[in-house]
Amino acid sequence: MADTEIPPLSPDDAKLIRNERAKLTAMWVNGVAVASVAVGGISPSVAIFSGTASALTASTLLVGWSLLAGILHLVARRLLGALRA
């Protein structure tokens, strides 16, 4: 089996790799934001309507998780703003 060397990365290749990593990270952070809305937004709403939680507790959870989701979404947008042309 012949030894094959991996050629060094060109600056364009390095930039593409960096951009793809930033996109993957932003997508992951945004996915966590969506999960935060699902868990912290929908669950308290269901708890209010089913009567298993007080309106104050569920509302506090709803606002807190929604804020977290919004912040995470903004972090993801900032990561995408750092992409290089």
C-alpha atoms as a PDB file:
ATOM      1  CA  MET A   1       0.000   0.000   0.000  1.00  0.00           C
ATOM      2  CA  ALA A   2       1.487   3.324  -1.061  1.00  0.00           C
ATOM      3  CA  ASP A   3       1.799   6.160   1.394  1.00  0.00           C
ATOM      4  CA  THR A   4      -0.253   9.117   0.266  1.00  0.00           C
ATOM      5  CA  GLU A   5       0.277  12.510   1.732  1.00  0.00           C
ATOM      6  CA  ILE A   6      -2.530  14.926   2.296  1.00  0.00           C
ATOM      7  CA  PRO A   7      -1.737  18.168   0.512  1.00  0.00           C
ATOM      8  CA  PRO A   8      -1.665  21.299   2.667  1.00  0.00           C
ATOM      9  CA  LEU A   9      -4.827  23.355   2.772  1.00  0.00           C
ATOM     10  CA  SER A  10      -5.028  26.449   0.662  1.00  0.00           C
ATOM     11  CA  PRO A  11      -6.300  29.655   2.317  1.00  0.00           C
ATOM     12  CA  ASP A  12      -9.573  29.237   0.404  1.00  0.00           C
ATOM     13  CA  ASP A  13      -9.995  25.684   1.709  1.00  0.00           C
ATOM     14  CA  ALA A  14      -9.285  26.801   5.270  1.00  0.00           C
ATOM     15  CA  LYS A  15     -11.874  29.579   4.925  1.00  0.00           C
ATOM     16  CA  LEU A  16     -14.482  27.121   3.612  1.00  0.00           C
ATOM     17  CA  ILE A  17     -13.827  24.727   6.482  1.00  0.00           C
ATOM     18  CA  ARG A  18     -14.121  27.557   9.010  1.00  0.00           C
ATOM     19  CA  ASN A  19     -17.401  28.731   7.460  1.00  0.00           C
ATOM     20  CA  GLU A  20     -18.879  25.217   7.475  1.00  0.00           C
ATOM     21  CA  ARG A  21     -17.918  24.734  11.119  1.00  0.00           C
ATOM     22  CA  ALA A  22     -19.543  28.066  11.986  1.00  0.00           C
ATOM     23  CA  LYS A  23     -22.709  27.034  10.129  1.00  0.00           C
ATOM     24  CA  LEU A  24     -22.852  23.684  11.927  1.00  0.00           C
ATOM     25  CA  THR A  25     -22.374  25.370  15.295  1.00  0.00           C
ATOM     26  CA  ALA A  26     -25.047  27.962  14.519  1.00  0.00           C
ATOM     27  CA  MET A  27     -27.436  25.212  13.443  1.00  0.00           C
ATOM     28  CA  TRP A  28     -26.804  23.299  16.675  1.00  0.00           C
ATOM     29  CA  VAL A  29     -27.333  26.411  18.843  1.00  0.00           C
ATOM     30  CA  ASN A  30     -30.546  27.221  16.973  1.00  0.00           C
ATOM     31  CA  GLY A  31     -31.697  23.619  17.474  1.00  0.00           C
ATOM     32  CA  VAL A  32     -31.202  24.018  21.217  1.00  0.00           C
ATOM     33  CA  ALA A  33     -33.254  27.229  21.007  1.00  0.00           C
ATOM     34  CA  VAL A  34     -36.088  25.383  19.260  1.00  0.00           C
ATOM     35  CA  ALA A  35     -35.955  22.627  21.890  1.00  0.00           C
ATOM     36  CA  SER A  36     -36.118  25.305  24.600  1.00  0.00           C
ATOM     37  CA  VAL A  37     -39.324  26.649  23.077  1.00  0.00           C
ATOM     38  CA  ALA A  38     -40.760  23.142  22.839  1.00  0.00           C
ATOM     39  CA  VAL A  39     -39.902  22.110  26.385  1.00  0.00           C
ATOM     40  CA  GLY A  40     -40.174  25.411  28.196  1.00  0.00           C
ATOM     41  CA  GLY A  41     -42.878  27.008  26.128  1.00  0.00           C
ATOM     42  CA  ILE A  42     -45.356  24.319  25.264  1.00  0.00           C
ATOM     43  CA  SER A  43     -45.153  22.336  28.525  1.00  0.00           C
ATOM     44  CA  PRO A  44     -46.115  25.242  30.830  1.00  0.00           C
ATOM     45  CA  SER A  45     -48.951  26.150  28.492  1.00  0.00           C
ATOM     46  CA  VAL A  46     -50.305  22.606  28.682  1.00  0.00           C
ATOM     47  CA  ALA A  47     -49.857  22.631  32.469  1.00  0.00           C
ATOM     48  CA  ILE A  48     -51.935  25.808  32.765  1.00  0.00           C
ATOM     49  CA  PHE A  49     -54.775  24.418  30.657  1.00  0.00           C
ATOM     50  CA  SER A  50     -54.750  21.044  32.409  1.00  0.00           C
ATOM     51  CA  GLY A  51     -54.716  22.671  35.850  1.00  0.00           C
ATOM     52  CA  THR A  52     -51.566  20.913  37.075  1.00  0.00           C
ATOM     53  CA  ALA A  53     -49.581  24.121  37.613  1.00  0.00           C
ATOM     54  CA  SER A  54     -50.413  27.585  38.823  1.00  0.00           C
ATOM     55  CA  ALA A  55     -50.649  30.293  36.205  1.00  0.00           C
ATOM     56  CA  LEU A  56     -47.835  32.279  37.847  1.00  0.00           C
ATOM     57  CA  THR A  57     -45.409  29.351  37.885  1.00  0.00           C
ATOM     58  CA  ALA A  58     -46.207  28.310  34.343  1.00  0.00           C
ATOM     59  CA  SER A  59     -46.047  31.896  33.073  1.00  0.00           C
ATOM     60  CA  THR A  60     -42.663  32.402  34.719  1.00  0.00           C
ATOM     61  CA  LEU A  61     -41.362  29.222  33.094  1.00  0.00           C
ATOM     62  CA  LEU A  62     -42.822  30.250  29.758  1.00  0.00           C
ATOM     63  CA  VAL A  63     -41.144  33.671  29.843  1.00  0.00           C
ATOM     64  CA  GLY A  64     -37.817  32.293  31.097  1.00  0.00           C
ATOM     65  CA  TRP A  65     -37.546  29.552  28.485  1.00  0.00           C
ATOM     66  CA  SER A  66     -38.686  31.908  25.737  1.00  0.00           C
ATOM     67  CA  LEU A  67     -35.984  34.412  26.709  1.00  0.00           C
ATOM     68  CA  LEU A  68     -33.387  31.647  26.681  1.00  0.00           C
ATOM     69  CA  ALA A  69     -34.551  30.550  23.231  1.00  0.00           C
ATOM     70  CA  GLY A  70     -34.377  34.126  21.938  1.00  0.00           C
ATOM     71  CA  ILE A  71     -30.875  34.624  23.300  1.00  0.00           C
ATOM     72  CA  LEU A  72     -29.684  31.339  21.792  1.00  0.00           C
ATOM     73  CA  HIS A  73     -31.192  32.279  18.443  1.00  0.00           C
ATOM     74  CA  LEU A  74     -29.327  35.614  18.529  1.00  0.00           C
ATOM     75  CA  VAL A  75     -26.095  33.765  19.330  1.00  0.00           C
ATOM     76  CA  ALA A  76     -26.673  31.549  16.289  1.00  0.00           C
ATOM     77  CA  ARG A  77     -27.257  34.622  14.106  1.00  0.00           C
ATOM     78  CA  ARG A  78     -24.047  36.186  15.399  1.00  0.00           C
ATOM     79  CA  LEU A  79     -22.134  33.024  14.527  1.00  0.00           C
ATOM     80  CA  LEU A  80     -23.484  33.205  10.990  1.00  0.00           C
ATOM     81  CA  GLY A  81     -22.587  36.902  10.832  1.00  0.00           C
ATOM     82  CA  ALA A  82     -18.951  35.918  11.333  1.00  0.00           C
ATOM     83  CA  LEU A  83     -18.802  33.986   8.055  1.00  0.00           C
ATOM     84  CA  ARG A  84     -16.080  35.136   5.703  1.00  0.00           C
ATOM     85  CA  ALA A  85     -16.672  35.823   2.045  1.00  0.00           C
END
